[in-house]
Amino acid sequence: MQETKNTAALPEYSKSQLALRNGQDRPQICVSYQGLIYDVTGSRLWKKGMHYEHWAGQDLTAELNDAPHNADVFAKFELIGKLI
């Protein structure tokens, strides 16, 4: 995960604001993990807001345990905010 960016300066998003960034309501596709929000819009794996059985616009913290990868995958994406 991106530890170098100052998270205190990041904008805050509510769960309902994050939910709008699901690839359906707006073109931006975002997910949250451990309170941080990542923009996954450019990922071919998140096209149309879905990645296997996971939907964008949600907090995926609890779901990562079932994934075939670890949290390092989020380092590929831009950190854009904090979930409040």
PDB file of N, CA and C in Angstrom:
ATOM      1  N   MET A   1       0.833  -1.186   0.000  1.00  0.00           N
ATOM      2  CA  MET A   1       0.000   0.000   0.000  1.00  0.00           C
ATOM      3  C   MET A   1       0.872   1.243   0.000  1.00  0.00           C
ATOM      4  N   GLN A   2       0.290   2.359  -0.353  1.00  0.00           N
ATOM      5  CA  GLN A   2       1.033   3.598  -0.441  1.00  0.00           C
ATOM      6  C   GLN A   2       1.151   4.236   0.936  1.00  0.00           C
ATOM      7  N   GLU A   3       2.314   4.131   1.510  1.00  0.00           N
ATOM      8  CA  GLU A   3       2.544   4.697   2.840  1.00  0.00           C
ATOM      9  C   GLU A   3       3.158   6.087   2.760  1.00  0.00           C
ATOM     10  N   THR A   4       3.699   6.463   1.588  1.00  0.00           N
ATOM     11  CA  THR A   4       4.443   7.709   1.489  1.00  0.00           C
ATOM     12  C   THR A   4       3.550   8.931   1.370  1.00  0.00           C
ATOM     13  N   LYS A   5       2.355   8.794   0.867  1.00  0.00           N
ATOM     14  CA  LYS A   5       1.460   9.940   0.705  1.00  0.00           C
ATOM     15  C   LYS A   5       0.905  10.346   2.069  1.00  0.00           C
ATOM     16  N   ASN A   6       0.871  11.644   2.328  1.00  0.00           N
ATOM     17  CA  ASN A   6       0.353  12.170   3.583  1.00  0.00           C
ATOM     18  C   ASN A   6      -1.154  11.962   3.620  1.00  0.00           C
ATOM     19  N   THR A   7      -1.605  10.993   4.383  1.00  0.00           N
ATOM     20  CA  THR A   7      -3.031  10.686   4.420  1.00  0.00           C
ATOM     21  C   THR A   7      -3.837  11.770   5.122  1.00  0.00           C
ATOM     22  N   ALA A   8      -3.214  12.579   5.959  1.00  0.00           N
ATOM     23  CA  ALA A   8      -3.937  13.650   6.649  1.00  0.00           C
ATOM     24  C   ALA A   8      -4.459  14.684   5.653  1.00  0.00           C
ATOM     25  N   ALA A   9      -3.776  14.851   4.542  1.00  0.00           N
ATOM     26  CA  ALA A   9      -4.162  15.846   3.547  1.00  0.00           C
ATOM     27  C   ALA A   9      -5.179  15.322   2.539  1.00  0.00           C
ATOM     28  N   LEU A  10      -5.515  14.065   2.617  1.00  0.00           N
ATOM     29  CA  LEU A  10      -6.441  13.470   1.659  1.00  0.00           C
ATOM     30  C   LEU A  10      -7.881  13.920   1.934  1.00  0.00           C
ATOM     31  N   PRO A  11      -8.681  14.082   0.873  1.00  0.00           N
ATOM     32  CA  PRO A  11     -10.098  14.395   1.090  1.00  0.00           C
ATOM     33  C   PRO A  11     -10.812  13.213   1.728  1.00  0.00           C
ATOM     34  N   GLU A  12     -11.882  13.508   2.443  1.00  0.00           N
ATOM     35  CA  GLU A  12     -12.658  12.467   3.108  1.00  0.00           C
ATOM     36  C   GLU A  12     -13.928  12.196   2.326  1.00  0.00           C
ATOM     37  N   TYR A  13     -14.287  10.925   2.240  1.00  0.00           N
ATOM     38  CA  TYR A  13     -15.491  10.493   1.540  1.00  0.00           C
ATOM     39  C   TYR A  13     -16.340   9.647   2.488  1.00  0.00           C
ATOM     40  N   SER A  14     -17.637   9.861   2.451  1.00  0.00           N
ATOM     41  CA  SER A  14     -18.552   9.005   3.211  1.00  0.00           C
ATOM     42  C   SER A  14     -18.781   7.716   2.414  1.00  0.00           C
ATOM     43  N   LYS A  15     -19.398   6.731   3.053  1.00  0.00           N
ATOM     44  CA  LYS A  15     -19.717   5.484   2.343  1.00  0.00           C
ATOM     45  C   LYS A  15     -20.655   5.749   1.175  1.00  0.00           C
ATOM     46  N   SER A  16     -21.574   6.690   1.329  1.00  0.00           N
ATOM     47  CA  SER A  16     -22.499   6.986   0.227  1.00  0.00           C
ATOM     48  C   SER A  16     -21.778   7.693  -0.923  1.00  0.00           C
ATOM     49  N   GLN A  17     -20.783   8.517  -0.630  1.00  0.00           N
ATOM     50  CA  GLN A  17     -19.995   9.160  -1.680  1.00  0.00           C
ATOM     51  C   GLN A  17     -19.137   8.130  -2.410  1.00  0.00           C
ATOM     52  N   LEU A  18     -18.562   7.207  -1.663  1.00  0.00           N
ATOM     53  CA  LEU A  18     -17.785   6.131  -2.279  1.00  0.00           C
ATOM     54  C   LEU A  18     -18.682   5.283  -3.175  1.00  0.00           C
ATOM     55  N   ALA A  19     -19.889   4.991  -2.722  1.00  0.00           N
ATOM     56  CA  ALA A  19     -20.819   4.152  -3.481  1.00  0.00           C
ATOM     57  C   ALA A  19     -21.126   4.735  -4.857  1.00  0.00           C
ATOM     58  N   LEU A  20     -21.070   6.047  -5.007  1.00  0.00           N
ATOM     59  CA  LEU A  20     -21.320   6.671  -6.308  1.00  0.00           C
ATOM     60  C   LEU A  20     -20.190   6.431  -7.302  1.00  0.00           C
ATOM     61  N   ARG A  21     -19.040   6.038  -6.813  1.00  0.00           N
ATOM     62  CA  ARG A  21     -17.877   5.801  -7.671  1.00  0.00           C
ATOM     63  C   ARG A  21     -17.764   4.302  -7.977  1.00  0.00           C
ATOM     64  N   ASN A  22     -18.855   3.767  -8.484  1.00  0.00           N
ATOM     65  CA  ASN A  22     -18.959   2.324  -8.711  1.00  0.00           C
ATOM     66  C   ASN A  22     -18.862   1.927 -10.180  1.00  0.00           C
ATOM     67  N   GLY A  23     -18.576   2.897 -11.050  1.00  0.00           N
ATOM     68  CA  GLY A  23     -18.491   2.613 -12.473  1.00  0.00           C
ATOM     69  C   GLY A  23     -19.841   2.596 -13.160  1.00  0.00           C
ATOM     70  N   GLN A  24     -20.904   2.767 -12.425  1.00  0.00           N
ATOM     71  CA  GLN A  24     -22.255   2.790 -12.983  1.00  0.00           C
ATOM     72  C   GLN A  24     -22.826   4.208 -12.937  1.00  0.00           C
ATOM     73  N   ASP A  25     -22.780   4.831 -11.770  1.00  0.00           N
ATOM     74  CA  ASP A  25     -23.351   6.158 -11.574  1.00  0.00           C
ATOM     75  C   ASP A  25     -22.438   7.270 -12.096  1.00  0.00           C
ATOM     76  N   ARG A  26     -21.153   7.022 -12.070  1.00  0.00           N
ATOM     77  CA  ARG A  26     -20.132   7.957 -12.545  1.00  0.00           C
ATOM     78  C   ARG A  26     -19.040   7.137 -13.218  1.00  0.00           C
ATOM     79  N   PRO A  27     -18.267   7.763 -14.098  1.00  0.00           N
ATOM     80  CA  PRO A  27     -17.213   6.982 -14.771  1.00  0.00           C
ATOM     81  C   PRO A  27     -16.056   6.579 -13.854  1.00  0.00           C
ATOM     82  N   GLN A  28     -15.872   7.286 -12.750  1.00  0.00           N
ATOM     83  CA  GLN A  28     -14.788   6.963 -11.828  1.00  0.00           C
ATOM     84  C   GLN A  28     -15.119   5.678 -11.064  1.00  0.00           C
ATOM     85  N   ILE A  29     -14.125   4.794 -10.939  1.00  0.00           N
ATOM     86  CA  ILE A  29     -14.306   3.524 -10.239  1.00  0.00           C
ATOM     87  C   ILE A  29     -13.327   3.484  -9.064  1.00  0.00           C
ATOM     88  N   CYS A  30     -13.863   3.399  -7.844  1.00  0.00           N
ATOM     89  CA  CYS A  30     -13.032   3.421  -6.643  1.00  0.00           C
ATOM     90  C   CYS A  30     -13.429   2.308  -5.683  1.00  0.00           C
ATOM     91  N   VAL A  31     -12.466   1.914  -4.857  1.00  0.00           N
ATOM     92  CA  VAL A  31     -12.704   0.952  -3.788  1.00  0.00           C
ATOM     93  C   VAL A  31     -11.968   1.448  -2.549  1.00  0.00           C
ATOM     94  N   SER A  32     -12.373   0.941  -1.416  1.00  0.00           N
ATOM     95  CA  SER A  32     -11.721   1.292  -0.161  1.00  0.00           C
ATOM     96  C   SER A  32     -11.107   0.043   0.462  1.00  0.00           C
ATOM     97  N   TYR A  33      -9.966   0.250   1.120  1.00  0.00           N
ATOM     98  CA  TYR A  33      -9.320  -0.811   1.883  1.00  0.00           C
ATOM     99  C   TYR A  33      -8.680  -0.189   3.108  1.00  0.00           C
ATOM    100  N   GLN A  34      -9.019  -0.683   4.266  1.00  0.00           N
ATOM    101  CA  GLN A  34      -8.511  -0.205   5.551  1.00  0.00           C
ATOM    102  C   GLN A  34      -8.598   1.309   5.700  1.00  0.00           C
ATOM    103  N   GLY A  35      -9.749   1.854   5.315  1.00  0.00           N
ATOM    104  CA  GLY A  35     -10.005   3.272   5.506  1.00  0.00           C
ATOM    105  C   GLY A  35      -9.450   4.189   4.441  1.00  0.00           C
ATOM    106  N   LEU A  36      -8.759   3.648   3.445  1.00  0.00           N
ATOM    107  CA  LEU A  36      -8.212   4.461   2.364  1.00  0.00           C
ATOM    108  C   LEU A  36      -8.948   4.136   1.069  1.00  0.00           C
ATOM    109  N   ILE A  37      -9.090   5.134   0.201  1.00  0.00           N
ATOM    110  CA  ILE A  37      -9.825   4.966  -1.043  1.00  0.00           C
ATOM    111  C   ILE A  37      -8.858   5.039  -2.216  1.00  0.00           C
ATOM    112  N   TYR A  38      -8.998   4.069  -3.108  1.00  0.00           N
ATOM    113  CA  TYR A  38      -8.130   3.944  -4.277  1.00  0.00           C
ATOM    114  C   TYR A  38      -8.944   4.068  -5.553  1.00  0.00           C
ATOM    115  N   ASP A  39      -8.381   4.762  -6.538  1.00  0.00           N
ATOM    116  CA  ASP A  39      -9.011   4.897  -7.847  1.00  0.00           C
ATOM    117  C   ASP A  39      -8.533   3.731  -8.716  1.00  0.00           C
ATOM    118  N   VAL A  40      -9.446   2.851  -9.087  1.00  0.00           N
ATOM    119  CA  VAL A  40      -9.116   1.676  -9.908  1.00  0.00           C
ATOM    120  C   VAL A  40      -9.672   1.812 -11.326  1.00  0.00           C
ATOM    121  N   THR A  41     -10.040   3.036 -11.712  1.00  0.00           N
ATOM    122  CA  THR A  41     -10.668   3.296 -13.005  1.00  0.00           C
ATOM    123  C   THR A  41      -9.852   2.729 -14.161  1.00  0.00           C
ATOM    124  N   GLY A  42      -8.557   2.874 -14.131  1.00  0.00           N
ATOM    125  CA  GLY A  42      -7.706   2.441 -15.238  1.00  0.00           C
ATOM    126  C   GLY A  42      -7.433   0.944 -15.304  1.00  0.00           C
ATOM    127  N   SER A  43      -7.877   0.204 -14.327  1.00  0.00           N
ATOM    128  CA  SER A  43      -7.601  -1.232 -14.300  1.00  0.00           C
ATOM    129  C   SER A  43      -8.560  -1.991 -15.209  1.00  0.00           C
ATOM    130  N   ARG A  44      -8.014  -2.822 -16.083  1.00  0.00           N
ATOM    131  CA  ARG A  44      -8.861  -3.644 -16.954  1.00  0.00           C
ATOM    132  C   ARG A  44      -9.657  -4.658 -16.139  1.00  0.00           C
ATOM    133  N   LEU A  45      -9.201  -4.946 -14.926  1.00  0.00           N
ATOM    134  CA  LEU A  45      -9.887  -5.922 -14.078  1.00  0.00           C
ATOM    135  C   LEU A  45     -11.113  -5.334 -13.370  1.00  0.00           C
ATOM    136  N   TRP A  46     -11.276  -4.022 -13.425  1.00  0.00           N
ATOM    137  CA  TRP A  46     -12.418  -3.374 -12.766  1.00  0.00           C
ATOM    138  C   TRP A  46     -13.371  -2.739 -13.764  1.00  0.00           C
ATOM    139  N   LYS A  47     -13.288  -3.122 -15.023  1.00  0.00           N
ATOM    140  CA  LYS A  47     -14.187  -2.560 -16.032  1.00  0.00           C
ATOM    141  C   LYS A  47     -15.631  -2.775 -15.623  1.00  0.00           C
ATOM    142  N   LYS A  48     -16.456  -1.780 -15.855  1.00  0.00           N
ATOM    143  CA  LYS A  48     -17.881  -1.783 -15.515  1.00  0.00           C
ATOM    144  C   LYS A  48     -18.131  -1.896 -14.015  1.00  0.00           C
ATOM    145  N   GLY A  49     -17.088  -1.651 -13.196  1.00  0.00           N
ATOM    146  CA  GLY A  49     -17.277  -1.599 -11.750  1.00  0.00           C
ATOM    147  C   GLY A  49     -17.346  -2.933 -11.042  1.00  0.00           C
ATOM    148  N   MET A  50     -16.926  -3.998 -11.715  1.00  0.00           N
ATOM    149  CA  MET A  50     -16.952  -5.311 -11.069  1.00  0.00           C
ATOM    150  C   MET A  50     -15.631  -6.043 -11.307  1.00  0.00           C
ATOM    151  N   HIS A  51     -15.163  -6.709 -10.269  1.00  0.00           N
ATOM    152  CA  HIS A  51     -13.935  -7.502 -10.334  1.00  0.00           C
ATOM    153  C   HIS A  51     -14.262  -8.859  -9.718  1.00  0.00           C
ATOM    154  N   TYR A  52     -14.463  -9.840 -10.581  1.00  0.00           N
ATOM    155  CA  TYR A  52     -14.965 -11.151 -10.161  1.00  0.00           C
ATOM    156  C   TYR A  52     -16.276 -10.950  -9.407  1.00  0.00           C
ATOM    157  N   GLU A  53     -16.392 -11.343  -8.171  1.00  0.00           N
ATOM    158  CA  GLU A  53     -17.658 -11.156  -7.459  1.00  0.00           C
ATOM    159  C   GLU A  53     -17.671  -9.890  -6.594  1.00  0.00           C
ATOM    160  N   HIS A  54     -16.689  -9.026  -6.765  1.00  0.00           N
ATOM    161  CA  HIS A  54     -16.578  -7.810  -5.962  1.00  0.00           C
ATOM    162  C   HIS A  54     -17.033  -6.594  -6.761  1.00  0.00           C
ATOM    163  N   TRP A  55     -17.813  -5.744  -6.110  1.00  0.00           N
ATOM    164  CA  TRP A  55     -18.318  -4.534  -6.741  1.00  0.00           C
ATOM    165  C   TRP A  55     -17.534  -3.327  -6.266  1.00  0.00           C
ATOM    166  N   ALA A  56     -17.291  -2.396  -7.179  1.00  0.00           N
ATOM    167  CA  ALA A  56     -16.631  -1.137  -6.842  1.00  0.00           C
ATOM    168  C   ALA A  56     -17.580  -0.258  -6.035  1.00  0.00           C
ATOM    169  N   GLY A  57     -17.024   0.788  -5.459  1.00  0.00           N
ATOM    170  CA  GLY A  57     -17.824   1.701  -4.661  1.00  0.00           C
ATOM    171  C   GLY A  57     -18.046   1.201  -3.246  1.00  0.00           C
ATOM    172  N   GLN A  58     -17.255   0.209  -2.841  1.00  0.00           N
ATOM    173  CA  GLN A  58     -17.423  -0.403  -1.522  1.00  0.00           C
ATOM    174  C   GLN A  58     -16.094  -0.523  -0.790  1.00  0.00           C
ATOM    175  N   ASP A  59     -16.199  -0.775   0.500  1.00  0.00           N
ATOM    176  CA  ASP A  59     -15.043  -1.087   1.334  1.00  0.00           C
ATOM    177  C   ASP A  59     -14.766  -2.583   1.184  1.00  0.00           C
ATOM    178  N   LEU A  60     -13.586  -2.926   0.687  1.00  0.00           N
ATOM    179  CA  LEU A  60     -13.233  -4.322   0.430  1.00  0.00           C
ATOM    180  C   LEU A  60     -12.349  -4.933   1.515  1.00  0.00           C
ATOM    181  N   THR A  61     -12.200  -4.258   2.643  1.00  0.00           N
ATOM    182  CA  THR A  61     -11.310  -4.729   3.701  1.00  0.00           C
ATOM    183  C   THR A  61     -11.618  -6.166   4.114  1.00  0.00           C
ATOM    184  N   ALA A  62     -12.848  -6.463   4.416  1.00  0.00           N
ATOM    185  CA  ALA A  62     -13.220  -7.809   4.872  1.00  0.00           C
ATOM    186  C   ALA A  62     -13.120  -8.843   3.759  1.00  0.00           C
ATOM    187  N   GLU A  63     -13.263  -8.412   2.516  1.00  0.00           N
ATOM    188  CA  GLU A  63     -13.263  -9.344   1.395  1.00  0.00           C
ATOM    189  C   GLU A  63     -11.864  -9.752   0.952  1.00  0.00           C
ATOM    190  N   LEU A  64     -10.841  -9.020   1.364  1.00  0.00           N
ATOM    191  CA  LEU A  64      -9.484  -9.330   0.894  1.00  0.00           C
ATOM    192  C   LEU A  64      -9.012 -10.697   1.377  1.00  0.00           C
ATOM    193  N   ASN A  65      -9.531 -11.173   2.488  1.00  0.00           N
ATOM    194  CA  ASN A  65      -9.130 -12.489   2.988  1.00  0.00           C
ATOM    195  C   ASN A  65      -9.417 -13.597   1.987  1.00  0.00           C
ATOM    196  N   ASP A  66     -10.423 -13.421   1.140  1.00  0.00           N
ATOM    197  CA  ASP A  66     -10.785 -14.426   0.145  1.00  0.00           C
ATOM    198  C   ASP A  66     -10.091 -14.239  -1.197  1.00  0.00           C
ATOM    199  N   ALA A  67      -9.309 -13.176  -1.339  1.00  0.00           N
ATOM    200  CA  ALA A  67      -8.663 -12.866  -2.618  1.00  0.00           C
ATOM    201  C   ALA A  67      -7.392 -13.696  -2.804  1.00  0.00           C
ATOM    202  N   PRO A  68      -7.027 -13.953  -4.060  1.00  0.00           N
ATOM    203  CA  PRO A  68      -5.798 -14.700  -4.343  1.00  0.00           C
ATOM    204  C   PRO A  68      -4.536 -13.833  -4.269  1.00  0.00           C
ATOM    205  N   HIS A  69      -4.684 -12.587  -3.821  1.00  0.00           N
ATOM    206  CA  HIS A  69      -3.549 -11.673  -3.676  1.00  0.00           C
ATOM    207  C   HIS A  69      -3.629 -11.011  -2.303  1.00  0.00           C
ATOM    208  N   ASN A  70      -2.582 -10.263  -1.952  1.00  0.00           N
ATOM    209  CA  ASN A  70      -2.583  -9.569  -0.661  1.00  0.00           C
ATOM    210  C   ASN A  70      -2.792  -8.068  -0.874  1.00  0.00           C
ATOM    211  N   ALA A  71      -2.689  -7.318   0.177  1.00  0.00           N
ATOM    212  CA  ALA A  71      -2.954  -5.876   0.141  1.00  0.00           C
ATOM    213  C   ALA A  71      -1.953  -5.101  -0.717  1.00  0.00           C
ATOM    214  N   ASP A  72      -0.835  -5.705  -1.065  1.00  0.00           N
ATOM    215  CA  ASP A  72       0.152  -5.025  -1.910  1.00  0.00           C
ATOM    216  C   ASP A  72      -0.434  -4.634  -3.265  1.00  0.00           C
ATOM    217  N   VAL A  73      -1.514  -5.271  -3.677  1.00  0.00           N
ATOM    218  CA  VAL A  73      -2.146  -4.962  -4.957  1.00  0.00           C
ATOM    219  C   VAL A  73      -2.599  -3.499  -5.007  1.00  0.00           C
ATOM    220  N   PHE A  74      -2.912  -2.896  -3.873  1.00  0.00           N
ATOM    221  CA  PHE A  74      -3.383  -1.511  -3.853  1.00  0.00           C
ATOM    222  C   PHE A  74      -2.281  -0.511  -4.185  1.00  0.00           C
ATOM    223  N   ALA A  75      -1.026  -0.904  -4.107  1.00  0.00           N
ATOM    224  CA  ALA A  75       0.087  -0.017  -4.452  1.00  0.00           C
ATOM    225  C   ALA A  75       0.062   0.362  -5.933  1.00  0.00           C
ATOM    226  N   LYS A  76      -0.638  -0.409  -6.745  1.00  0.00           N
ATOM    227  CA  LYS A  76      -0.736  -0.134  -8.183  1.00  0.00           C
ATOM    228  C   LYS A  76      -1.683   1.025  -8.486  1.00  0.00           C
ATOM    229  N   PHE A  77      -2.496   1.408  -7.524  1.00  0.00           N
ATOM    230  CA  PHE A  77      -3.553   2.382  -7.768  1.00  0.00           C
ATOM    231  C   PHE A  77      -3.318   3.680  -7.015  1.00  0.00           C
ATOM    232  N   GLU A  78      -3.894   4.749  -7.551  1.00  0.00           N
ATOM    233  CA  GLU A  78      -3.751   6.054  -6.924  1.00  0.00           C
ATOM    234  C   GLU A  78      -4.608   6.130  -5.657  1.00  0.00           C
ATOM    235  N   LEU A  79      -3.983   6.548  -4.591  1.00  0.00           N
ATOM    236  CA  LEU A  79      -4.661   6.785  -3.318  1.00  0.00           C
ATOM    237  C   LEU A  79      -5.302   8.165  -3.412  1.00  0.00           C
ATOM    238  N   ILE A  80      -6.645   8.217  -3.291  1.00  0.00           N
ATOM    239  CA  ILE A  80      -7.328   9.494  -3.527  1.00  0.00           C
ATOM    240  C   ILE A  80      -8.078  10.043  -2.321  1.00  0.00           C
ATOM    241  N   GLY A  81      -8.271   9.236  -1.281  1.00  0.00           N
ATOM    242  CA  GLY A  81      -9.029   9.759  -0.158  1.00  0.00           C
ATOM    243  C   GLY A  81      -9.101   8.819   1.021  1.00  0.00           C
ATOM    244  N   LYS A  82      -9.846   9.286   2.031  1.00  0.00           N
ATOM    245  CA  LYS A  82     -10.069   8.498   3.244  1.00  0.00           C
ATOM    246  C   LYS A  82     -11.564   8.251   3.397  1.00  0.00           C
ATOM    247  N   LEU A  83     -11.906   7.067   3.871  1.00  0.00           N
ATOM    248  CA  LEU A  83     -13.296   6.721   4.136  1.00  0.00           C
ATOM    249  C   LEU A  83     -13.639   7.134   5.560  1.00  0.00           C
ATOM    250  N   ILE A  84     -14.732   7.879   5.709  1.00  0.00           N
ATOM    251  CA  ILE A  84     -15.136   8.315   7.051  1.00  0.00           C
ATOM    252  C   ILE A  84     -16.435   7.633   7.463  1.00  0.00           C
TER     253      ILE A  84
END
